[in-house]
C-alpha cells in the first residue's frame, strides 16, 4: 500500500517497541527515544486498530483533531467521560499538515460516535456527524481508508517514483495518484480499477456491479438477495451515471438486512453521493436504510456493497428467520432528474446543479517564539512573542449553479419565463397575492380554490363570442409536499370585450401530503443473531405545511379554504 516497510530487528538503535500494556496507545510522531513504545493490549488485535496506533507513531493525529473538523462533525463535550476531553481537542495548522488530502470521516484515525462516552448504553454521542447518514461510518477499524494511505504515501513516499525517473503515461482519474509500489500505474480509491482508475472495479466472490445508465430507471440488487443470504468477502461496485445537467436518485426497496452493530457498520452498502467519488460515502446496515431517496450532488453516484463478517448461513430452521433478517442484503431503484434547467424545462422549478471547484485556501495559526537577545546582553532569552503563520493549500468546495437564463433563488433554479408569468398574475389581480415560502418556491393563495379531491380542474365555460384563447399547460407541481397551487392562464382575444382583466387564471391544489421533519427516536432493533437492543435513529416526525397552508385530516389545505388556521 505504501513504500513504508517494517522489519523485525531487536538490535536496531531506534525502533518501535510493541508491548501488551493496558489498552491501545502510541506517541504521535518521532519521540527521539531508542525504543518508541506502542501498546497493543487486549481487544486491540484487529488490523485496523494496529494500523491506527502505528499511524500515530508515523505522525498521524486523530482525524477529528484537524482544524477543519467543524465542517463535518460536532463534539459534544458534555457527554465525554471525565479526564478524556483532551482526546477531542483540535490541533492547530502548525501541528497538522494535510498535504492537500481532504477531511475523511471514513479514516482509520477517526473516533466513533460513542468513543469515551459517559454512558455507552444511551443514545448520547461524543462525536456527531453533520450529515446524519455518515454516523455509522466514523470509528471504523477494519482497514486504512484510501485517504489514509494517500496521506502516508505523500508524506513518506513522494519522491520514490521521481527518483526512478518514471512518469505516468496519462493523469490518474478519480483522485488516484502514482503508486510508489508500481510507478507506471495509479493507486485508485475503493470501487475503481485500471492502470489510471478509468473503470469500475470488478465484483469479488460474486458476479455483480458495473456501470449503469440512469437515463432509464433501473434497479440494483446485492448478491443472494432473493435467496435471503449473502456470503462473506463479497465486493460489488455500481457506478450510476446520468448526462450532465441531471442528478441521480437512489431509493431502497423491500426487505433490507445487512450485518452490523448499533453505531458502526461492519458489512454495509455504501452510497457515495458527493461530488467526490473517492470520498467515503454514507453506509447503511442492520435493518435501517434511509426511508427517502438519496440524491447525488453531481451526475454520478457510486454504490458499494461490502461483506467482511464471516458468513453465517442458517442450516438450523429454528434460526432461519433471524438469519433472513440479518443477511438479506438490499435492493434499490435509481432514476435521474434534470437540475438547474440544464437538461430539460419540463419543470419550471428544479433543484440546483452542483459542481466541485478547487481553490487555494489559507491555513493560519499563531506561534509563540523566543526573542533573541543582542549579543552584548547577559541572558540567552529576552522574552517571548506571538507571531502569525500561514500555509497555503489546495482545497475544494461544492458550488451550486443554474444553466442558461435560469435564476438561482433560495436554493432552487427558477425558469425566468415561468417567474415572469407569475409576476404578471400577481399584478393583475388583487385577490391573488404573491407569497414566498421558506423553501424558495412561490405559491399563489386564493379564496377561489377548487376542491382538493379533484385531480384535474374542469375548464370554466367560455364567455359568449368565444373571446378567450386556449388554456396554458398546468406544468409540474413546484413542491412534493406541504401544500402548493398549480396555475394556468389564458388571454382575452379582444382586449376591449373582456372586462377589467385580459387574463384569466385557473388554479388547483397539489402536493397536499404534509412534509415531515427528521427527529431522533429510540428504536428496538436486532443487534445480533440472538438479542435486541435500542438505538437512536432518524425518523420522519412532526408533519407540517408551508406558509399559507394548514394541516387538517393529515392533508394540507389553504388557510382561505379553512377559514382559520388549524393545528
Protein backbone atom coordinates (compact mmCIF):
# COMPACT_ATOMS: atom_id res chain seq x y z
CA UNK A 1 0.00 0.00 0.00
CA UNK A 2 2.86 2.39 0.84
CA UNK A 3 6.63 2.42 0.47
CA UNK A 4 6.91 2.19 4.28
CA UNK A 5 8.00 -1.29 5.35
CA UNK A 6 8.63 -2.83 8.78
CA UNK A 7 11.44 -5.24 9.61
CA UNK A 8 11.79 -7.11 12.88
CA UNK A 9 15.16 -6.18 14.36
CA UNK A 10 15.57 -6.19 18.13
CA UNK A 11 19.14 -4.89 17.83
CA UNK A 12 18.28 -1.71 15.91
CA UNK A 13 19.37 1.51 17.61
CA UNK A 14 15.96 3.13 17.10
CA UNK A 15 12.81 1.12 16.73
CA UNK A 16 9.13 0.76 17.50
CA UNK A 17 8.72 -1.48 20.53
CA UNK A 18 5.32 -3.22 20.62
CA UNK A 19 4.16 -4.16 24.10
CA UNK A 20 0.98 -5.57 25.65
CA UNK A 21 0.01 -2.86 28.08
CA UNK A 22 -3.43 -1.68 29.18
CA UNK A 23 -5.37 -0.63 26.11
CA UNK A 24 -4.22 0.65 22.72
CA UNK A 25 -1.95 3.68 22.65
CA UNK A 26 1.04 5.28 20.97
CA UNK A 27 3.00 8.50 20.94
CA UNK A 28 2.41 10.82 17.99
CA UNK A 29 5.41 11.15 15.72
CA UNK A 30 9.12 10.68 16.34
CA UNK A 31 10.00 10.76 20.05
CA UNK A 32 13.82 10.67 19.76
CA UNK A 33 13.92 7.70 22.13
CA UNK A 34 15.75 4.45 21.36
CA UNK A 35 12.57 2.45 21.92
CA UNK A 36 9.34 4.18 20.87
CA UNK A 37 6.62 2.23 22.63
CA UNK A 38 3.33 1.16 21.02
CA UNK A 39 0.81 -0.69 23.19
CA UNK A 40 -1.36 -3.40 21.64
CA UNK A 41 -3.33 -4.61 24.65
CA UNK A 42 -6.35 -6.84 25.00
CA UNK A 43 -9.02 -6.04 22.41
CA UNK A 44 -6.53 -4.21 20.18
CA UNK A 45 -5.55 -7.05 17.84
CA UNK A 46 -7.60 -6.13 14.75
CA UNK A 47 -5.64 -4.99 11.70
CA UNK A 48 -7.31 -1.59 11.68
CA UNK A 49 -6.57 -0.95 15.36
CA UNK A 50 -2.90 -1.88 14.99
CA UNK A 51 -2.67 0.32 11.88
CA UNK A 52 -4.28 3.14 13.90
CA UNK A 53 -1.59 3.02 16.58
CA UNK A 54 1.22 2.67 14.04
CA UNK A 55 -0.29 5.68 12.26
CA UNK A 56 0.21 7.71 15.43
CA UNK A 57 3.85 6.63 15.58
CA UNK A 58 4.28 7.77 11.96
CA UNK A 59 2.91 11.21 12.86
CA UNK A 60 -0.83 10.93 12.29
CA UNK A 61 -3.09 12.83 14.67
CA UNK A 62 -6.66 11.71 15.16
CA UNK A 63 -8.75 12.81 12.18
CA UNK A 64 -11.19 14.71 14.42
CA UNK A 65 -8.23 16.77 15.67
CA UNK A 66 -7.93 18.52 12.30
CA UNK A 67 -8.64 22.27 12.49
CA UNK A 68 -11.24 21.98 9.69
CA UNK A 69 -13.34 19.37 11.51
CA UNK A 70 -16.24 21.73 12.27
CA UNK A 71 -17.42 21.49 8.66
CA UNK A 72 -18.05 17.75 9.18
CA UNK A 73 -18.65 16.94 12.87
CA UNK A 74 -19.72 18.34 16.22
CA UNK A 75 -18.07 17.35 19.51
CA UNK A 76 -20.46 17.00 22.45
CA UNK A 77 -18.07 17.75 25.29
CA UNK A 78 -20.79 17.34 27.89
CA UNK A 79 -21.01 13.62 27.02
CA UNK A 80 -17.27 12.89 27.26
CA UNK A 81 -16.02 10.85 30.20
CA UNK A 82 -14.15 12.72 32.91
CA UNK A 83 -10.46 13.12 32.15
CA UNK A 84 -10.80 12.18 28.46
CA UNK A 85 -11.67 15.54 26.93
CA UNK A 86 -8.06 16.09 25.79
CA UNK A 87 -8.64 13.40 23.14
CA UNK A 88 -11.17 15.68 21.44
CA UNK A 89 -9.25 18.96 21.44
CA UNK A 90 -8.42 20.29 17.96
CA UNK A 91 -4.83 20.84 16.92
CA UNK A 92 -3.56 23.89 15.04
CA UNK A 93 -2.46 24.12 11.42
CA UNK A 94 1.04 24.48 12.84
CA UNK A 95 0.76 20.93 14.17
CA UNK A 96 -1.30 19.36 11.38
CA UNK A 97 -0.16 19.12 7.76
CA UNK A 98 -2.77 17.69 5.40
CA UNK A 99 -0.67 17.66 2.18
CA UNK A 100 -3.91 18.58 0.33
CA UNK A 101 -5.67 15.41 1.48
CA UNK A 102 -9.28 16.26 2.48
CA UNK A 103 -11.01 15.52 5.76
CA UNK A 104 -12.06 11.87 5.87
CA UNK A 105 -14.95 10.61 8.01
CA UNK A 106 -14.02 7.09 6.92
CA UNK A 107 -10.44 7.36 8.21
CA UNK A 108 -8.99 4.63 10.40
CA UNK A 109 -7.80 7.55 12.58
CA UNK A 110 -11.32 8.91 13.26
CA UNK A 111 -13.17 8.41 16.54
CA UNK A 112 -16.58 6.79 16.55
CA UNK A 113 -19.87 8.25 17.72
CA UNK A 114 -19.55 6.98 21.29
CA UNK A 115 -15.80 6.91 21.89
CA UNK A 116 -15.13 7.87 25.55
CA UNK A 117 -18.84 8.46 26.16
CA UNK A 118 -20.03 8.69 29.78
CA UNK A 119 -22.79 6.19 29.05
CA UNK A 120 -22.27 3.99 26.00
CA UNK A 121 -25.64 2.33 26.51
CA UNK A 122 -27.55 5.57 25.97
CA UNK A 123 -28.22 7.39 22.70
CA UNK A 124 -25.90 10.26 23.70
CA UNK A 125 -22.85 10.63 21.46
CA UNK A 126 -19.48 12.32 21.81
CA UNK A 127 -18.98 12.75 18.05
CA UNK A 128 -21.92 13.76 15.87
CA UNK A 129 -21.68 13.85 12.08
CA UNK A 130 -23.35 16.86 10.45
CA UNK A 131 -24.54 14.54 7.70
CA UNK A 132 -26.66 12.06 9.73
CA UNK A 133 -26.15 9.35 7.10
CA UNK A 134 -22.42 9.28 7.98
CA UNK A 135 -22.99 8.32 11.64
CA UNK A 136 -22.17 4.64 11.04
CA UNK A 137 -19.00 5.44 9.09
CA UNK A 138 -16.90 7.11 11.78
CA UNK A 139 -14.85 4.88 14.06
CA UNK A 140 -14.24 2.01 11.64
CA UNK A 141 -11.20 -0.12 12.45
CA UNK A 142 -11.33 -2.61 9.60
CA UNK A 143 -8.72 -1.07 7.32
CA UNK A 144 -6.89 2.08 6.31
CA UNK A 145 -9.01 4.28 4.09
CA UNK A 146 -7.95 5.49 0.65
CA UNK A 147 -7.12 8.93 2.05
CA UNK A 148 -5.16 7.41 4.99
CA UNK A 149 -2.92 5.57 2.53
CA UNK A 150 -2.67 8.59 0.24
CA UNK A 151 -1.52 10.83 3.09
CA UNK A 152 1.11 8.29 4.20
CA UNK A 153 2.38 7.94 0.63
CA UNK A 154 2.58 11.72 0.15
CA UNK A 155 4.42 12.14 3.45
CA UNK A 156 6.92 9.27 3.13
CA UNK A 157 6.96 8.11 -0.49
CA UNK A 158 6.52 11.22 -2.60
CA UNK A 159 9.94 11.02 -4.23
CA UNK A 160 10.10 7.26 -4.90
CA UNK A 161 8.89 7.29 -8.49
CA UNK A 162 10.65 10.57 -9.24
CA UNK A 163 13.97 9.07 -8.10
CA UNK A 164 13.37 6.20 -10.54
CA UNK A 165 12.68 8.62 -13.37
CA UNK A 166 9.26 7.07 -14.06
CA UNK A 167 6.38 9.25 -15.27
CA UNK A 168 2.79 8.20 -15.87
CA UNK A 169 1.62 8.00 -19.47
CA UNK A 170 -1.58 9.89 -18.53
CA UNK A 171 -3.09 11.52 -15.44
CA UNK A 172 -4.91 9.42 -12.86
CA UNK A 173 -8.69 9.64 -12.69
CA UNK A 174 -10.93 9.76 -9.60
CA UNK A 175 -8.27 11.39 -7.36
CA UNK A 176 -5.91 8.50 -7.89
CA UNK A 177 -2.14 9.11 -7.72
CA UNK A 178 1.10 7.49 -8.84
CA UNK A 179 1.60 4.26 -6.91
CA UNK A 180 5.04 4.22 -5.21
CA UNK A 181 4.99 0.42 -5.33
CA UNK A 182 4.19 0.31 -9.07
CA UNK A 183 5.22 3.62 -10.58
CA UNK A 184 3.73 3.05 -14.04
CA UNK A 185 0.19 2.88 -12.73
CA UNK A 186 -2.10 4.73 -10.33
CA UNK A 187 -3.33 3.80 -6.89
CA UNK A 188 -7.11 4.10 -7.04
CA UNK A 189 -9.84 4.80 -4.49
CA UNK A 190 -12.09 1.92 -3.48
CA UNK A 191 -14.53 0.98 -6.23
CA UNK A 192 -12.25 1.92 -9.14
CA UNK A 193 -9.62 -0.05 -11.04
CA UNK A 194 -7.40 0.05 -14.13
CA UNK A 195 -3.93 1.49 -14.61
CA UNK A 196 -5.37 5.00 -14.41
CA UNK A 197 -8.54 4.40 -12.36
CA UNK A 198 -10.57 4.65 -15.54
CA UNK A 199 -13.04 1.84 -14.86
CA UNK A 200 -15.21 0.34 -12.14
CA UNK A 201 -13.63 -2.37 -10.00
CA UNK A 202 -14.93 -5.85 -10.88
CA UNK A 203 -17.01 -7.88 -8.43
CA UNK A 204 -15.28 -10.14 -5.95
CA UNK A 205 -16.73 -13.55 -4.97
CA UNK A 206 -19.84 -12.67 -6.98
CA UNK A 207 -20.83 -11.50 -10.45
CA UNK A 208 -22.09 -8.04 -9.65
CA UNK A 209 -21.54 -4.35 -10.20
CA UNK A 210 -20.56 -2.39 -13.29
CA UNK A 211 -21.55 0.89 -14.92
CA UNK A 212 -25.27 1.56 -15.33
CA UNK A 213 -27.06 4.31 -17.26
CA UNK A 214 -29.60 6.33 -15.29
CA UNK A 215 -31.25 7.69 -18.44
CA UNK A 216 -33.67 4.83 -17.89
CA UNK A 217 -34.93 3.90 -14.44
CA UNK A 218 -33.47 0.67 -13.11
CA UNK A 219 -32.68 -1.43 -10.05
CA UNK A 220 -29.55 -2.87 -8.44
CA UNK A 221 -29.61 -5.90 -6.15
CA UNK A 222 -26.97 -7.35 -3.84
CA UNK A 223 -25.85 -10.96 -4.50
CA UNK A 224 -28.07 -13.55 -2.84
CA UNK A 225 -30.89 -11.09 -2.19
CA UNK A 226 -33.68 -13.32 -3.46
CA UNK A 227 -32.27 -16.26 -1.51
CA UNK A 228 -32.08 -14.04 1.62
CA UNK A 229 -28.42 -14.77 2.19
CA UNK A 230 -25.15 -13.15 1.17
CA UNK A 231 -21.67 -14.54 1.85
CA UNK A 232 -18.57 -13.05 3.44
CA UNK A 233 -15.84 -11.45 1.35
CA UNK A 234 -18.24 -10.15 -1.34
CA UNK A 235 -17.38 -6.87 -3.03
CA UNK A 236 -19.64 -5.18 -5.58
CA UNK A 237 -19.44 -1.69 -7.08
CA UNK A 238 -22.04 0.05 -9.26
CA UNK A 239 -21.27 3.36 -10.96
CA UNK A 240 -24.58 5.04 -11.85
CA UNK A 241 -24.19 7.72 -14.50
CA UNK A 242 -26.55 10.32 -15.93
CA UNK A 243 -25.96 13.04 -18.53
CA UNK A 244 -24.58 16.40 -17.46
CA UNK A 245 -27.33 18.58 -16.04
CA UNK A 246 -29.03 15.74 -14.15
CA UNK A 247 -28.86 14.41 -10.62
CA UNK A 248 -29.34 10.77 -9.61
CA UNK A 249 -31.79 9.48 -7.00
CA UNK A 250 -31.49 6.14 -5.19
CA UNK A 251 -34.38 4.61 -3.23
CA UNK A 252 -34.07 1.38 -1.23
CA UNK A 253 -36.93 -1.07 -1.75
CA UNK A 254 -38.41 -4.08 0.02
CA UNK A 255 -36.54 -6.15 2.59
CA UNK A 256 -33.23 -4.82 3.87
CA UNK A 257 -30.82 -6.65 6.17
CA UNK A 258 -27.04 -6.28 6.47
CA UNK A 259 -24.94 -7.39 9.45
CA UNK A 260 -23.76 -4.53 11.61
CA UNK A 261 -23.63 -3.01 15.06
CA UNK A 262 -25.55 -0.25 16.78
CA UNK A 263 -23.23 2.62 15.92
CA UNK A 264 -20.95 1.18 13.26
CA UNK A 265 -21.45 -0.82 10.08
CA UNK A 266 -19.21 -3.83 9.58
CA UNK A 267 -20.86 -5.18 6.44
CA UNK A 268 -22.55 -2.36 4.56
CA UNK A 269 -23.97 -0.83 1.43
CA UNK A 270 -22.17 2.45 0.88
CA UNK A 271 -23.58 5.27 -1.25
CA UNK A 272 -21.18 7.96 -2.44
CA UNK A 273 -23.41 10.83 -3.44
CA UNK A 274 -20.97 13.73 -3.09
CA UNK A 275 -19.12 15.35 -6.00
CA UNK A 276 -16.01 13.40 -4.98
CA UNK A 277 -16.46 9.67 -5.57
CA UNK A 278 -13.15 8.98 -3.81
CA UNK A 279 -14.54 10.23 -0.51
CA UNK A 280 -16.09 7.68 1.85
CA UNK A 281 -19.86 7.67 1.44
CA UNK A 282 -22.83 7.02 3.71
CA UNK A 283 -23.07 3.45 4.98
CA UNK A 284 -26.25 1.56 5.82
CA UNK A 285 -26.69 -1.74 7.63
CA UNK A 286 -28.81 -3.77 10.09
CA UNK A 287 -32.45 -3.16 9.07
CA UNK A 288 -32.20 0.62 8.86
CA UNK A 289 -31.94 2.01 5.31
CA UNK A 290 -32.94 5.63 4.60
CA UNK A 291 -36.69 5.94 4.15
CA UNK A 292 -36.49 8.54 1.39
CA UNK A 293 -34.42 8.77 -1.83
CA UNK A 294 -30.75 9.75 -1.66
CA UNK A 295 -29.76 12.41 -4.19
CA UNK A 296 -26.36 12.77 -5.84
CA UNK A 297 -24.59 16.12 -5.91
CA UNK A 298 -23.43 15.64 -9.48
CA UNK A 299 -24.42 13.38 -12.35
CA UNK A 300 -22.71 10.29 -10.91
CA UNK A 301 -23.27 8.09 -7.87
CA UNK A 302 -21.20 5.15 -6.62
CA UNK A 303 -22.83 2.28 -4.72
CA UNK A 304 -20.61 -0.28 -2.98
CA UNK A 305 -21.60 -3.50 -1.21
CA UNK A 306 -19.03 -4.98 1.16
CA UNK A 307 -19.29 -8.00 3.46
CA UNK A 308 -16.41 -8.54 5.88
CA UNK A 309 -18.14 -10.58 8.57
CA UNK A 310 -17.87 -14.38 8.49
CA UNK A 311 -20.72 -15.89 6.54
CA UNK A 312 -23.42 -17.33 8.78
CA UNK A 313 -25.83 -19.21 6.52
CA UNK A 314 -28.54 -20.80 8.65
CA UNK A 315 -28.78 -24.58 8.41
CA UNK A 316 -30.97 -24.76 11.52
CA UNK A 317 -34.57 -23.97 10.64
CA UNK A 318 -35.14 -22.70 14.19
CA UNK A 319 -32.96 -19.69 13.44
CA UNK A 320 -33.65 -19.12 9.74
CA UNK A 321 -35.95 -16.13 10.30
CA UNK A 322 -33.22 -14.31 12.17
CA UNK A 323 -30.63 -15.06 9.52
CA UNK A 324 -33.04 -13.83 6.88
CA UNK A 325 -33.33 -10.51 8.68
CA UNK A 326 -29.57 -10.12 9.12
CA UNK A 327 -28.28 -11.38 5.76
CA UNK A 328 -30.92 -10.34 3.26
CA UNK A 329 -28.85 -7.68 1.54
CA UNK A 330 -30.53 -4.86 -0.35
CA UNK A 331 -32.49 -3.84 -3.41
CA UNK A 332 -32.66 -0.27 -4.70
CA UNK A 333 -34.06 1.61 -7.67
CA UNK A 334 -32.35 4.54 -9.37
CA UNK A 335 -33.52 7.32 -11.65
CA UNK A 336 -32.34 10.74 -12.83
CA UNK A 337 -33.96 14.17 -12.92
CA UNK A 338 -32.95 17.45 -14.50
CA UNK A 339 -31.29 20.08 -12.33
CA UNK A 340 -30.82 23.79 -12.85
CA UNK A 341 -32.76 23.86 -16.11
CA UNK A 342 -29.69 22.26 -17.69
CA UNK A 343 -31.24 19.11 -19.14
CA UNK A 344 -34.88 19.98 -19.80
CA UNK A 345 -37.53 22.55 -18.93
CA UNK A 346 -40.40 20.21 -18.15
CA UNK A 347 -40.44 21.61 -14.64
CA UNK A 348 -40.04 25.35 -14.11
CA UNK A 349 -38.70 24.87 -10.58
CA UNK A 350 -35.73 22.47 -10.28
CA UNK A 351 -33.04 21.54 -7.80
CA UNK A 352 -29.73 23.31 -8.28
CA UNK A 353 -26.85 21.64 -10.08
CA UNK A 354 -23.60 21.17 -8.15
CA UNK A 355 -20.00 21.15 -9.32
CA UNK A 356 -16.71 20.77 -7.48
CA UNK A 357 -14.19 23.62 -7.52
CA UNK A 358 -10.55 23.66 -6.44
CA UNK A 359 -9.08 26.79 -4.91
CA UNK A 360 -6.15 28.00 -2.86
CA UNK A 361 -7.01 28.17 0.83
CA UNK A 362 -5.11 29.61 3.77
CA UNK A 363 -4.29 27.55 6.86
CA UNK A 364 -3.31 30.14 9.52
CA UNK A 365 -2.12 29.67 13.07
CA UNK A 366 -0.29 31.52 15.81
CA UNK A 367 3.01 30.54 17.27
CA UNK A 368 4.94 31.70 20.32
CA UNK A 369 8.66 32.13 19.71
CA UNK A 370 11.63 33.20 21.78
CA UNK A 371 13.00 36.70 21.26
CA UNK A 372 16.73 36.63 20.57
CA UNK A 373 18.78 38.95 22.72
CA UNK A 374 21.52 41.27 21.46
CA UNK A 375 25.00 39.77 21.59
CA UNK A 376 26.00 42.09 24.39
CA UNK A 377 23.03 41.04 26.61
CA UNK A 378 23.82 38.91 29.62
CA UNK A 379 20.93 36.38 29.27
CA UNK A 380 20.05 33.95 26.50
CA UNK A 381 16.37 34.92 26.26
CA UNK A 382 14.74 38.32 26.07
CA UNK A 383 11.21 37.05 26.42
CA UNK A 384 8.59 35.54 24.12
CA UNK A 385 6.32 36.93 21.42
CA UNK A 386 3.41 35.64 19.34
CA UNK A 387 3.70 35.60 15.57
CA UNK A 388 1.17 34.81 12.87
CA UNK A 389 1.96 31.98 10.46
CA UNK A 390 0.12 30.78 7.39
CA UNK A 391 0.38 27.89 4.97
CA UNK A 392 -1.40 27.77 1.62
CA UNK A 393 -3.00 24.56 0.40
CA UNK A 394 -5.26 23.32 -2.37
CA UNK A 395 -8.82 22.89 -1.10
CA UNK A 396 -12.09 22.03 -2.78
CA UNK A 397 -15.70 23.06 -2.31
CA UNK A 398 -19.04 22.49 -3.98
CA UNK A 399 -20.65 25.29 -5.97
CA UNK A 400 -24.34 25.42 -6.90
CA UNK A 401 -25.39 26.80 -10.26
CA UNK A 402 -28.19 27.07 -12.82
CA UNK A 403 -27.87 26.85 -16.60
CA UNK A 404 -28.65 29.47 -19.23
CA UNK A 405 -31.03 32.18 -18.10
CA UNK A 406 -32.43 30.22 -15.16
CA UNK A 407 -32.33 32.14 -11.89
CA UNK A 408 -30.99 30.86 -8.57
CA UNK A 409 -33.42 31.80 -5.80
CA UNK A 410 -33.35 30.38 -2.27
CA UNK A 411 -31.57 27.20 -3.23
CA UNK A 412 -33.74 26.45 -6.28
CA UNK A 413 -33.39 27.16 -10.00
CA UNK A 414 -36.38 29.03 -11.47
CA UNK A 415 -37.34 29.34 -15.14
CA UNK A 416 -37.44 33.12 -15.76
CA UNK A 417 -40.33 32.70 -18.22
CA UNK A 418 -42.41 30.97 -15.55
CA UNK A 419 -41.39 33.58 -12.99
CA UNK A 420 -42.46 36.38 -15.34
CA UNK A 421 -45.88 34.75 -15.76
CA UNK A 422 -46.32 34.59 -12.00
CA UNK A 423 -45.40 38.26 -11.67
CA UNK A 424 -47.97 39.16 -14.32
CA UNK A 425 -50.65 37.20 -12.49
CA UNK A 426 -49.86 38.89 -9.20
CA UNK A 427 -50.07 42.36 -10.74
CA UNK A 428 -53.47 41.95 -12.47
CA UNK A 429 -55.49 40.55 -9.59
CA UNK A 430 -55.66 41.80 -6.03
CA UNK A 431 -57.13 38.52 -4.80
CA UNK A 432 -54.11 36.50 -5.95
CA UNK A 433 -51.27 37.90 -3.82
CA UNK A 434 -47.76 36.57 -4.41
CA UNK A 435 -46.27 34.91 -1.31
CA UNK A 436 -42.88 33.32 -0.92
CA UNK A 437 -42.26 30.45 1.48
CA UNK A 438 -39.28 29.02 3.31
CA UNK A 439 -38.43 26.54 0.54
CA UNK A 440 -37.82 29.19 -2.12
CA UNK A 441 -40.89 28.18 -4.15
CA UNK A 442 -43.73 30.51 -5.00
CA UNK A 443 -47.36 29.87 -4.10
CA UNK A 444 -50.47 31.66 -5.23
CA UNK A 445 -53.02 31.53 -2.41
CA UNK A 446 -56.57 32.45 -3.37
CA UNK A 447 -60.09 32.26 -1.99
CA UNK A 448 -61.26 30.69 -5.23
CA UNK A 449 -59.73 27.23 -4.76
CA UNK A 450 -61.00 24.08 -6.39
CA UNK A 451 -61.85 21.07 -4.29
CA UNK A 452 -58.83 19.21 -3.03
CA UNK A 453 -60.42 15.95 -4.23
CA UNK A 454 -60.27 16.98 -7.89
CA UNK A 455 -57.33 15.51 -9.73
CA UNK A 456 -57.88 17.83 -12.68
CA UNK A 457 -59.62 21.17 -12.75
CA UNK A 458 -62.60 21.50 -15.13
CA UNK A 459 -62.28 24.23 -17.71
CA UNK A 460 -64.52 27.24 -17.00
CA UNK A 461 -67.20 27.93 -19.58
CA UNK A 462 -66.04 30.45 -22.18
CA UNK A 463 -67.88 33.78 -22.41
CA UNK A 464 -70.25 34.31 -25.35
CA UNK A 465 -68.50 35.03 -28.59
CA UNK A 466 -65.52 32.76 -27.73
CA UNK A 467 -63.41 35.75 -26.66
CA UNK A 468 -60.79 33.77 -24.76
CA UNK A 469 -57.78 31.91 -26.06
CA UNK A 470 -56.82 28.35 -25.06
CA UNK A 471 -55.70 27.49 -21.54
CA UNK A 472 -51.98 27.11 -20.93
CA UNK A 473 -50.39 23.95 -19.52
CA UNK A 474 -50.60 23.10 -15.84
CA UNK A 475 -46.93 22.16 -15.58
CA UNK A 476 -45.46 20.25 -12.65
CA UNK A 477 -46.23 20.97 -9.02
CA UNK A 478 -43.41 23.13 -7.59
CA UNK A 479 -43.39 21.08 -4.37
CA UNK A 480 -43.58 17.45 -3.42
CA UNK A 481 -45.29 18.05 -0.04
CA UNK A 482 -46.60 20.75 2.28
CA UNK A 483 -49.27 22.21 0.00
CA UNK A 484 -48.97 24.20 -3.20
CA UNK A 485 -51.06 25.51 -6.09
CA UNK A 486 -50.88 24.94 -9.81
CA UNK A 487 -51.91 27.87 -12.01
CA UNK A 488 -52.70 28.05 -15.70
CA UNK A 489 -53.79 31.12 -17.60
CA UNK A 490 -55.44 32.22 -20.80
CA UNK A 491 -55.61 35.57 -22.57
CA UNK A 492 -58.54 37.55 -23.90
CA UNK A 493 -58.60 37.65 -27.69
CA UNK A 494 -60.37 41.00 -27.68
CA UNK A 495 -58.99 43.34 -25.02
CA UNK A 496 -61.96 45.69 -25.24
CA UNK A 497 -64.59 42.99 -24.59
CA UNK A 498 -63.35 41.02 -21.57
CA UNK A 499 -63.87 43.47 -18.75
CA UNK A 500 -61.19 44.88 -16.45
CA UNK A 501 -58.80 41.92 -16.81
CA UNK A 502 -57.47 40.49 -20.06
CA UNK A 503 -56.05 37.39 -18.36
CA UNK A 504 -57.92 34.62 -16.53
CA UNK A 505 -56.29 32.33 -14.01
CA UNK A 506 -57.35 28.77 -13.23
CA UNK A 507 -55.96 27.07 -10.11
CA UNK A 508 -55.88 23.68 -8.46
CA UNK A 509 -54.26 22.25 -5.36
CA UNK A 510 -51.25 19.90 -5.44
CA UNK A 511 -48.67 18.40 -3.07
CA UNK A 512 -51.24 18.13 -0.28
CA UNK A 513 -49.39 15.45 1.67
CA UNK A 514 -47.64 17.04 4.67
CA UNK A 515 -43.86 17.36 4.86
CA UNK A 516 -42.00 15.78 7.75
CA UNK A 517 -39.02 16.88 9.79
CA UNK A 518 -36.34 14.47 10.92
CA UNK A 519 -36.07 13.68 14.60
CA UNK A 520 -34.14 11.19 16.71
CA UNK A 521 -36.24 8.46 18.33
CA UNK A 522 -35.33 5.25 20.20
CA UNK A 523 -35.96 2.08 18.22
CA UNK A 524 -35.70 -1.59 19.12
CA UNK A 525 -33.61 -3.45 16.55
CA UNK A 526 -31.95 -6.82 16.13
CA UNK A 527 -28.38 -6.09 17.19
CA UNK A 528 -27.09 -9.63 16.75
CA UNK A 529 -28.49 -13.04 15.98
CA UNK A 530 -29.90 -13.65 19.45
CA UNK A 531 -30.80 -10.37 21.07
CA UNK A 532 -32.38 -6.98 20.51
CA UNK A 533 -31.25 -3.58 21.69
CA UNK A 534 -32.15 0.08 21.43
CA UNK A 535 -30.52 2.70 19.22
CA UNK A 536 -31.34 6.26 18.29
CA UNK A 537 -32.46 6.53 14.68
CA UNK A 538 -33.58 9.33 12.42
CA UNK A 539 -37.25 9.10 11.52
CA UNK A 540 -39.85 11.34 9.97
CA UNK A 541 -41.94 13.19 12.53
CA UNK A 542 -43.74 16.48 13.16
CA UNK A 543 -45.78 16.84 9.96
CA UNK A 544 -46.11 20.42 8.72
CA UNK A 545 -47.42 22.53 5.84
CA UNK A 546 -45.83 25.54 4.20
CA UNK A 547 -46.82 29.14 4.79
CA UNK A 548 -50.41 29.82 3.70
CA UNK A 549 -51.47 26.21 4.30
CA UNK A 550 -52.68 24.36 7.39
CA UNK A 551 -52.93 20.69 8.30
CA UNK A 552 -56.33 19.03 8.54
CA UNK A 553 -57.02 15.28 8.41
CA UNK A 554 -53.34 14.79 7.51
CA UNK A 555 -53.70 16.94 4.37
CA UNK A 556 -52.54 20.49 3.64
CA UNK A 557 -55.30 22.98 2.74
CA UNK A 558 -55.06 26.73 2.06
CA UNK A 559 -55.98 28.80 5.10
CA UNK A 560 -58.51 30.66 2.95
CA UNK A 561 -60.45 27.42 2.43
CA UNK A 562 -60.47 26.53 6.12
CA UNK A 563 -61.42 29.97 7.39
CA UNK A 564 -58.80 29.90 10.15
CA UNK A 565 -55.55 28.17 10.93
CA UNK A 566 -55.83 24.54 12.01
CA UNK A 567 -53.35 22.99 14.41
